[in-house]
C-alpha atoms as a PDB file:
ATOM      1  CA  MET A   1     -23.606   2.562 -19.551  1.00  0.00           C
ATOM      2  CA  ASN A   2     -22.140   0.756 -16.417  1.00  0.00           C
ATOM      3  CA  ARG A   3     -20.730   2.734 -13.467  1.00  0.00           C
ATOM      4  CA  VAL A   4     -17.475   1.227 -11.887  1.00  0.00           C
ATOM      5  CA  LEU A   5     -16.056   2.697  -8.422  1.00  0.00           C
ATOM      6  CA  ILE A   6     -12.421   1.872  -7.888  1.00  0.00           C
ATOM      7  CA  LEU A   7     -11.279   2.183  -4.344  1.00  0.00           C
ATOM      8  CA  GLY A   8      -7.785   3.812  -4.902  1.00  0.00           C
ATOM      9  CA  GLY A   9      -4.496   5.587  -3.580  1.00  0.00           C
ATOM     10  CA  THR A  10      -2.234   3.015  -5.182  1.00  0.00           C
ATOM     11  CA  ALA A  11      -0.506   2.551  -8.609  1.00  0.00           C
ATOM     12  CA  GLU A  12      -2.487  -0.083  -9.142  1.00  0.00           C
ATOM     13  CA  ALA A  13      -5.634   1.805  -8.836  1.00  0.00           C
ATOM     14  CA  ALA A  14      -4.389   4.382 -11.194  1.00  0.00           C
ATOM     15  CA  ALA A  15      -2.932   1.832 -13.836  1.00  0.00           C
ATOM     16  CA  LEU A  16      -6.447   0.384 -13.907  1.00  0.00           C
ATOM     17  CA  ALA A  17      -8.223   3.893 -14.312  1.00  0.00           C
ATOM     18  CA  GLU A  18      -5.653   4.762 -17.123  1.00  0.00           C
ATOM     19  CA  ALA A  19      -6.676   1.376 -18.769  1.00  0.00           C
ATOM     20  CA  LEU A  20     -10.456   2.008 -18.376  1.00  0.00           C
ATOM     21  CA  SER A  21      -9.907   5.451 -19.909  1.00  0.00           C
ATOM     22  CA  ASP A  22     -10.743   5.061 -23.464  1.00  0.00           C
ATOM     23  CA  ARG A  23     -14.016   2.690 -22.783  1.00  0.00           C
ATOM     24  CA  SER A  24     -16.765   4.867 -23.582  1.00  0.00           C
ATOM     25  CA  ASP A  25     -19.472   2.183 -22.049  1.00  0.00           C
ATOM     26  CA  LEU A  26     -17.867   2.577 -18.621  1.00  0.00           C
ATOM     27  CA  GLU A  27     -18.144   5.516 -16.264  1.00  0.00           C
ATOM     28  CA  VAL A  28     -15.139   5.318 -14.008  1.00  0.00           C
ATOM     29  CA  ILE A  29     -14.984   6.688 -10.041  1.00  0.00           C
ATOM     30  CA  THR A  30     -11.778   6.559  -8.306  1.00  0.00           C
ATOM     31  CA  SER A  31     -12.138   7.211  -4.789  1.00  0.00           C
ATOM     32  CA  LEU A  32      -9.280   8.165  -2.524  1.00  0.00           C
ATOM     33  CA  ALA A  33      -8.925   8.417   1.183  1.00  0.00           C
ATOM     34  CA  GLY A  34      -7.470  11.831   1.374  1.00  0.00           C
ATOM     35  CA  ARG A  35      -4.001  11.138   2.763  1.00  0.00           C
ATOM     36  CA  THR A  36      -2.131  12.285   0.384  1.00  0.00           C
ATOM     37  CA  ARG A  37      -1.985  16.387   0.192  1.00  0.00           C
ATOM     38  CA  SER A  38      -1.802  16.383  -3.689  1.00  0.00           C
ATOM     39  CA  PRO A  39      -3.007  13.374  -5.325  1.00  0.00           C
ATOM     40  CA  GLU A  40      -2.179  12.633  -8.790  1.00  0.00           C
ATOM     41  CA  ARG A  41      -4.739  13.331 -11.436  1.00  0.00           C
ATOM     42  CA  LEU A  42      -6.533  10.062 -12.474  1.00  0.00           C
ATOM     43  CA  PRO A  43      -8.826   9.748 -15.691  1.00  0.00           C
ATOM     44  CA  GLY A  44     -12.379   9.670 -15.045  1.00  0.00           C
ATOM     45  CA  GLU A  45     -14.209  10.960 -12.017  1.00  0.00           C
ATOM     46  CA  MET A  46     -12.363  11.369  -8.607  1.00  0.00           C
ATOM     47  CA  ARG A  47     -13.792  11.624  -5.169  1.00  0.00           C
ATOM     48  CA  ILE A  48     -11.546  12.279  -2.113  1.00  0.00           C
ATOM     49  CA  GLY A  49     -12.671  11.333   1.648  1.00  0.00           C
ATOM     50  CA  GLY A  50     -14.157   8.425   3.409  1.00  0.00           C
ATOM     51  CA  PHE A  51     -17.543   6.985   3.267  1.00  0.00           C
ATOM     52  CA  GLY A  52     -18.592   6.742   6.675  1.00  0.00           C
ATOM     53  CA  GLY A  53     -17.894   2.961   7.288  1.00  0.00           C
ATOM     54  CA  VAL A  54     -19.856   0.111   5.824  1.00  0.00           C
ATOM     55  CA  GLU A  55     -23.261   2.020   6.065  1.00  0.00           C
ATOM     56  CA  GLY A  56     -22.002   5.095   4.151  1.00  0.00           C
ATOM     57  CA  LEU A  57     -20.390   2.833   1.324  1.00  0.00           C
ATOM     58  CA  VAL A  58     -23.554   0.773   1.058  1.00  0.00           C
ATOM     59  CA  SER A  59     -25.374   4.058   0.828  1.00  0.00           C
ATOM     60  CA  TYR A  60     -22.791   5.118  -1.803  1.00  0.00           C
ATOM     61  CA  LEU A  61     -23.226   2.330  -4.193  1.00  0.00           C
ATOM     62  CA  LYS A  62     -26.862   2.356  -4.133  1.00  0.00           C
ATOM     63  CA  GLU A  63     -27.170   6.275  -4.715  1.00  0.00           C
ATOM     64  CA  TYR A  64     -25.096   6.070  -7.463  1.00  0.00           C
ATOM     65  CA  SER A  65     -25.808   2.746  -8.948  1.00  0.00           C
ATOM     66  CA  ILE A  66     -22.592   1.270  -9.084  1.00  0.00           C
ATOM     67  CA  ASP A  67     -22.539  -1.741 -11.008  1.00  0.00           C
ATOM     68  CA  ALA A  68     -18.979  -3.064  -9.870  1.00  0.00           C
ATOM     69  CA  LEU A  69     -16.637  -2.287  -7.005  1.00  0.00           C
ATOM     70  CA  ILE A  70     -12.880  -2.844  -7.419  1.00  0.00           C
ATOM     71  CA  ASP A  71     -10.977  -2.807  -4.430  1.00  0.00           C
ATOM     72  CA  ALA A  72      -7.590  -1.683  -5.238  1.00  0.00           C
ATOM     73  CA  THR A  73      -6.530   0.005  -1.937  1.00  0.00           C
ATOM     74  CA  HIS A  74      -3.118  -0.633  -0.189  1.00  0.00           C
ATOM     75  CA  PRO A  75      -2.336  -4.469   0.672  1.00  0.00           C
ATOM     76  CA  PHE A  76      -2.287  -3.434   4.473  1.00  0.00           C
ATOM     77  CA  ALA A  77      -5.754  -1.792   4.423  1.00  0.00           C
ATOM     78  CA  ALA A  78      -7.612  -4.405   6.002  1.00  0.00           C
ATOM     79  CA  GLN A  79     -10.127  -2.400   7.566  1.00  0.00           C
ATOM     80  CA  MET A  80     -11.380  -0.625   4.284  1.00  0.00           C
ATOM     81  CA  ASN A  81     -11.066  -4.221   2.505  1.00  0.00           C
ATOM     82  CA  ASN A  82     -13.321  -5.461   5.110  1.00  0.00           C
ATOM     83  CA  GLN A  83     -15.726  -2.860   4.501  1.00  0.00           C
ATOM     84  CA  ALA A  84     -15.835  -3.237   0.886  1.00  0.00           C
ATOM     85  CA  VAL A  85     -16.597  -6.872   1.406  1.00  0.00           C
ATOM     86  CA  LEU A  86     -19.810  -6.115   3.622  1.00  0.00           C
ATOM     87  CA  ALA A  87     -21.002  -3.276   1.630  1.00  0.00           C
ATOM     88  CA  ALA A  88     -20.724  -5.088  -1.572  1.00  0.00           C
ATOM     89  CA  ASP A  89     -22.602  -7.956  -0.262  1.00  0.00           C
ATOM     90  CA  GLN A  90     -25.014  -5.728   1.408  1.00  0.00           C
ATOM     91  CA  ALA A  91     -25.751  -3.535  -1.837  1.00  0.00           C
ATOM     92  CA  GLY A  92     -25.833  -6.539  -4.035  1.00  0.00           C
ATOM     93  CA  VAL A  93     -22.755  -5.283  -6.165  1.00  0.00           C
ATOM     94  CA  PRO A  94     -20.120  -7.576  -7.718  1.00  0.00           C
ATOM     95  CA  ARG A  95     -16.858  -6.768  -6.046  1.00  0.00           C
ATOM     96  CA  LEU A  96     -12.863  -7.628  -7.041  1.00  0.00           C
ATOM     97  CA  ARG A  97      -9.799  -7.141  -4.680  1.00  0.00           C
ATOM     98  CA  LEU A  98      -6.841  -5.864  -7.180  1.00  0.00           C
ATOM     99  CA  VAL A  99      -3.880  -6.388  -5.191  1.00  0.00           C
ATOM    100  CA  ARG A 100       0.033  -6.202  -6.167  1.00  0.00           C
ATOM    101  CA  SER A 101       1.881  -9.893  -6.405  1.00  0.00           C
ATOM    102  CA  PRO A 102       3.616 -10.572  -2.906  1.00  0.00           C
ATOM    103  CA  TRP A 103       7.238 -10.357  -3.010  1.00  0.00           C
ATOM    104  CA  LYS A 104       8.991 -13.760  -2.649  1.00  0.00           C
ATOM    105  CA  LYS A 105      11.958 -14.555  -0.761  1.00  0.00           C
ATOM    106  CA  GLN A 106      15.127 -14.885  -2.978  1.00  0.00           C
ATOM    107  CA  PRO A 107      18.444 -16.627  -2.194  1.00  0.00           C
ATOM    108  CA  GLY A 108      20.599 -14.319  -0.070  1.00  0.00           C
ATOM    109  CA  ASP A 109      17.276 -12.608   1.534  1.00  0.00           C
ATOM    110  CA  ARG A 110      17.668 -12.004   5.136  1.00  0.00           C
ATOM    111  CA  TRP A 111      14.316 -11.910   6.344  1.00  0.00           C
ATOM    112  CA  ILE A 112      12.800 -11.629   9.686  1.00  0.00           C
ATOM    113  CA  GLU A 113       9.043 -12.058   9.694  1.00  0.00           C
ATOM    114  CA  ALA A 114       6.764  -9.817  12.359  1.00  0.00           C
ATOM    115  CA  VAL A 115       3.061 -10.210  12.654  1.00  0.00           C
ATOM    116  CA  ASP A 116       3.092  -6.346  13.221  1.00  0.00           C
ATOM    117  CA  ALA A 117       5.176  -3.126  14.067  1.00  0.00           C
ATOM    118  CA  ALA A 118       4.729  -3.826  17.625  1.00  0.00           C
ATOM    119  CA  GLU A 119       6.941  -7.010  17.199  1.00  0.00           C
ATOM    120  CA  ALA A 120       8.904  -5.419  14.715  1.00  0.00           C
ATOM    121  CA  ALA A 121      10.104  -2.844  17.123  1.00  0.00           C
ATOM    122  CA  ARG A 122      11.019  -5.295  19.779  1.00  0.00           C
ATOM    123  CA  LEU A 123      13.409  -7.531  17.511  1.00  0.00           C
ATOM    124  CA  LEU A 124      15.231  -4.393  16.675  1.00  0.00           C
ATOM    125  CA  PRO A 125      17.365  -3.923  19.468  1.00  0.00           C
ATOM    126  CA  GLY A 126      18.819  -7.472  19.106  1.00  0.00           C
ATOM    127  CA  LEU A 127      19.489  -6.708  15.069  1.00  0.00           C
ATOM    128  CA  GLY A 128      21.406  -3.578  14.631  1.00  0.00           C
ATOM    129  CA  SER A 129      21.590   0.160  15.733  1.00  0.00           C
ATOM    130  CA  ARG A 130      21.051   1.982  12.659  1.00  0.00           C
ATOM    131  CA  ILE A 131      17.829   1.404  11.439  1.00  0.00           C
ATOM    132  CA  PHE A 132      15.902   2.165   8.076  1.00  0.00           C
ATOM    133  CA  LEU A 133      12.300   2.526   8.503  1.00  0.00           C
ATOM    134  CA  THR A 134      10.143   2.513   5.511  1.00  0.00           C
ATOM    135  CA  THR A 135       6.529   1.129   7.398  1.00  0.00           C
ATOM    136  CA  GLY A 136       4.986   4.674   6.543  1.00  0.00           C
ATOM    137  CA  GLN A 137       3.428   6.997   9.011  1.00  0.00           C
ATOM    138  CA  LYS A 138       0.965   5.119  10.670  1.00  0.00           C
ATOM    139  CA  ASP A 139       3.055   2.804  12.468  1.00  0.00           C
ATOM    140  CA  LEU A 140       5.924   5.358  13.703  1.00  0.00           C
ATOM    141  CA  GLY A 141       4.631   5.182  17.120  1.00  0.00           C
ATOM    142  CA  ALA A 142       5.525   1.544  17.859  1.00  0.00           C
ATOM    143  CA  PHE A 143       9.013   2.703  17.475  1.00  0.00           C
ATOM    144  CA  ALA A 144       9.104   6.073  19.377  1.00  0.00           C
ATOM    145  CA  ASP A 145      10.462   4.667  22.476  1.00  0.00           C
ATOM    146  CA  LEU A 146      13.575   2.823  21.400  1.00  0.00           C
ATOM    147  CA  ASP A 147      16.229   4.856  22.749  1.00  0.00           C
ATOM    148  CA  GLY A 148      19.863   3.967  21.432  1.00  0.00           C
ATOM    149  CA  LEU A 149      18.684   3.420  17.826  1.00  0.00           C
ATOM    150  CA  TRP A 150      19.360   5.822  15.212  1.00  0.00           C
ATOM    151  CA  PHE A 151      16.338   5.861  12.452  1.00  0.00           C
ATOM    152  CA  LEU A 152      16.285   6.948   8.943  1.00  0.00           C
ATOM    153  CA  ILE A 153      12.631   7.275   8.433  1.00  0.00           C
ATOM    154  CA  ARG A 154      10.986   7.556   4.798  1.00  0.00           C
ATOM    155  CA  THR A 155       7.336   8.132   4.111  1.00  0.00           C
ATOM    156  CA  ILE A 156       5.475   9.708   1.031  1.00  0.00           C
ATOM    157  CA  GLU A 157       4.344  12.676   3.359  1.00  0.00           C
ATOM    158  CA  PRO A 158       6.263  14.964   5.322  1.00  0.00           C
ATOM    159  CA  ILE A 159       6.132  14.031   9.344  1.00  0.00           C
ATOM    160  CA  GLY A 160       6.987  17.680  10.575  1.00  0.00           C
ATOM    161  CA  ASP A 161      10.252  18.598  11.945  1.00  0.00           C
ATOM    162  CA  ARG A 162       9.412  17.540  15.435  1.00  0.00           C
ATOM    163  CA  LEU A 163      11.689  14.208  15.515  1.00  0.00           C
ATOM    164  CA  PRO A 164      14.202  13.187  18.413  1.00  0.00           C
ATOM    165  CA  ARG A 165      17.893  13.907  17.667  1.00  0.00           C
ATOM    166  CA  ASP A 166      18.432  10.002  16.540  1.00  0.00           C
ATOM    167  CA  ARG A 167      15.660  10.151  14.041  1.00  0.00           C
ATOM    168  CA  PHE A 168      16.199  11.496  10.432  1.00  0.00           C
ATOM    169  CA  HIS A 169      13.324  11.834   7.929  1.00  0.00           C
ATOM    170  CA  LEU A 170      13.275  11.424   4.184  1.00  0.00           C
ATOM    171  CA  SER A 171       9.771  12.539   2.190  1.00  0.00           C
ATOM    172  CA  ALA A 172       9.943  10.599  -1.297  1.00  0.00           C
ATOM    173  CA  ARG A 173       7.602   8.735  -3.453  1.00  0.00           C
ATOM    174  CA  GLY A 174       8.845   5.386  -5.419  1.00  0.00           C
ATOM    175  CA  PRO A 175       9.512   4.038  -7.770  1.00  0.00           C
ATOM    176  CA  PHE A 176      13.278   3.591  -6.607  1.00  0.00           C
ATOM    177  CA  LYS A 177      16.053   2.255  -8.192  1.00  0.00           C
ATOM    178  CA  GLU A 178      18.176  -0.454  -6.518  1.00  0.00           C
ATOM    179  CA  GLU A 179      21.539   1.278  -6.770  1.00  0.00           C
ATOM    180  CA  GLU A 180      19.688   4.648  -5.425  1.00  0.00           C
ATOM    181  CA  GLU A 181      18.711   2.487  -2.388  1.00  0.00           C
ATOM    182  CA  ALA A 182      21.804   0.681  -1.908  1.00  0.00           C
ATOM    183  CA  GLY A 183      23.985   4.039  -1.960  1.00  0.00           C
ATOM    184  CA  LEU A 184      21.145   5.713   0.597  1.00  0.00           C
ATOM    185  CA  MET A 185      21.931   2.611   2.955  1.00  0.00           C
ATOM    186  CA  GLN A 186      25.500   2.841   2.683  1.00  0.00           C
ATOM    187  CA  GLU A 187      25.525   6.564   2.933  1.00  0.00           C
ATOM    188  CA  HIS A 188      23.849   6.493   6.136  1.00  0.00           C
ATOM    189  CA  ARG A 189      25.468   3.199   7.356  1.00  0.00           C
ATOM    190  CA  ILE A 190      22.000   1.095   7.811  1.00  0.00           C
ATOM    191  CA  ASP A 191      22.477  -2.263   9.383  1.00  0.00           C
ATOM    192  CA  VAL A 192      18.855  -2.936   9.501  1.00  0.00           C
ATOM    193  CA  LEU A 193      15.846  -2.387   7.070  1.00  0.00           C
ATOM    194  CA  VAL A 194      12.142  -2.244   8.452  1.00  0.00           C
ATOM    195  CA  THR A 195       9.206  -2.742   6.107  1.00  0.00           C
ATOM    196  CA  LYS A 196       5.904  -3.991   5.421  1.00  0.00           C
ATOM    197  CA  ALA A 197       5.242  -7.086   2.882  1.00  0.00           C
ATOM    198  CA  SER A 198       3.763  -4.668   0.481  1.00  0.00           C
ATOM    199  CA  GLY A 199       4.466  -6.538  -2.782  1.00  0.00           C
ATOM    200  CA  GLY A 200       4.771  -4.883  -6.111  1.00  0.00           C
ATOM    201  CA  ASP A 201       7.483  -3.484  -7.887  1.00  0.00           C
ATOM    202  CA  ALA A 202       7.426   0.214  -7.081  1.00  0.00           C
ATOM    203  CA  THR A 203       9.411  -0.488  -3.700  1.00  0.00           C
ATOM    204  CA  TYR A 204      10.891  -3.450  -4.351  1.00  0.00           C
ATOM    205  CA  ALA A 205      14.523  -2.106  -5.193  1.00  0.00           C
ATOM    206  CA  LYS A 206      15.258  -1.561  -1.180  1.00  0.00           C
ATOM    207  CA  ILE A 207      14.339  -4.950  -0.940  1.00  0.00           C
ATOM    208  CA  SER A 208      16.963  -6.239  -3.615  1.00  0.00           C
ATOM    209  CA  ALA A 209      19.669  -3.415  -2.355  1.00  0.00           C
ATOM    210  CA  ALA A 210      19.310  -5.211   1.279  1.00  0.00           C
ATOM    211  CA  ARG A 211      20.184  -8.361  -0.251  1.00  0.00           C
ATOM    212  CA  LYS A 212      23.051  -7.082  -2.191  1.00  0.00           C
ATOM    213  CA  LEU A 213      24.425  -5.286   0.814  1.00  0.00           C
ATOM    214  CA  ALA A 214      23.746  -8.697   3.076  1.00  0.00           C
ATOM    215  CA  LEU A 215      21.337  -6.646   5.479  1.00  0.00           C
ATOM    216  CA  PRO A 216      18.718  -8.402   7.559  1.00  0.00           C
ATOM    217  CA  VAL A 217      15.013  -7.100   6.716  1.00  0.00           C
ATOM    218  CA  VAL A 218      12.408  -7.088   9.574  1.00  0.00           C
ATOM    219  CA  MET A 219       9.500  -8.008   7.072  1.00  0.00           C
ATOM    220  CA  ILE A 220       6.042  -7.063   8.711  1.00  0.00           C
ATOM    221  CA  GLN A 221       3.417  -9.620   7.371  1.00  0.00           C
ATOM    222  CA  CYS A 222       0.374  -8.460   5.309  1.00  0.00           C
ATOM    223  CA  PRO A 223      -2.891  -9.372   6.822  1.00  0.00           C
ATOM    224  CA  PRO A 224      -4.565 -11.923   5.011  1.00  0.00           C
ATOM    225  CA  PRO A 225      -6.930 -11.121   1.830  1.00  0.00           C
ATOM    226  CA  PRO A 226     -10.524 -10.693   2.201  1.00  0.00           C
ATOM    227  CA  PRO A 227     -12.879 -13.387   0.827  1.00  0.00           C
ATOM    228  CA  GLY A 228     -13.846 -13.507  -2.840  1.00  0.00           C
ATOM    229  CA  PRO A 229     -11.995 -13.020  -6.176  1.00  0.00           C
ATOM    230  CA  ILE A 230      -8.851 -11.224  -6.372  1.00  0.00           C
ATOM    231  CA  ALA A 231      -6.608 -10.077  -9.161  1.00  0.00           C
ATOM    232  CA  HIS A 232      -2.845  -9.430  -9.360  1.00  0.00           C
ATOM    233  CA  ARG A 233      -2.750  -7.535 -13.009  1.00  0.00           C
ATOM    234  CA  THR A 234      -4.479  -4.915 -14.561  1.00  0.00           C
ATOM    235  CA  ASP A 235      -5.544  -7.293 -17.256  1.00  0.00           C
ATOM    236  CA  ALA A 236      -6.970 -10.204 -14.894  1.00  0.00           C
ATOM    237  CA  ALA A 237      -8.938  -7.133 -13.434  1.00  0.00           C
ATOM    238  CA  LEU A 238     -10.277  -5.854 -16.909  1.00  0.00           C
ATOM    239  CA  THR A 239     -11.456  -9.807 -17.680  1.00  0.00           C
ATOM    240  CA  TRP A 240     -13.424  -9.747 -14.183  1.00  0.00           C
ATOM    241  CA  LEU A 241     -14.935  -6.345 -15.255  1.00  0.00           C
ATOM    242  CA  SER A 242     -15.985  -7.375 -18.666  1.00  0.00           C
ATOM    243  CA  HIS A 243     -17.703 -10.569 -17.311  1.00  0.00           C
ATOM    244  CA  VAL A 244     -19.737  -8.769 -14.630  1.00  0.00           C
ATOM    245  CA  THR A 245     -20.808  -5.896 -16.676  1.00  0.00           C
ATOM    246  CA  GLY A 246     -21.584  -8.005 -19.780  1.00  0.00           C
END
């Protein structure tokens, strides 16, 4: 029996684990970083927590005789992506990067590209005063000193109640609908959306809603993918897996 390790935490990882659930020839382990307090139960074995860097992941791959590694972490998880590349190479384990398809700019989109959250924060004072911020908890600090701007902040996990008066927080998980996103932006009189170019379908509704409302979108660009094979769909990942496991 072949043993597959999925580096998860995304809808793509969950879909892959589900697609492999009826494979009697495979043992599937999905690893989650542990940032979500109540992760969804997935088919197969689950492990929670980091590996301890490249050396720790190499040790895990060897100790558990992993035959294939599929990195299905978030598109912005550059550190984990790079660690997976190095660890798989050192352990001699075939590796695939499974990542959602990137968003493509459509007619009517008003995207303003930023290389990171810090640049996005510098752009905001000249674009509007009521901001819908959907970059996740990790990058909130980049926007902390923007006095005079009102923020609607949405994250998956709660961030506590110690927010300045000009910050309003929502805790929610996609997928979202376009009409709901448009209604939310109108209710809070949003005039700028800030997001990461994460791709996929689960959160695209905010992009189409901003287009519908003719709002500018500060789009934080995704880091370049690591070297090696990449799949954007579950079926492509399954084809790769069948090839490397025989």
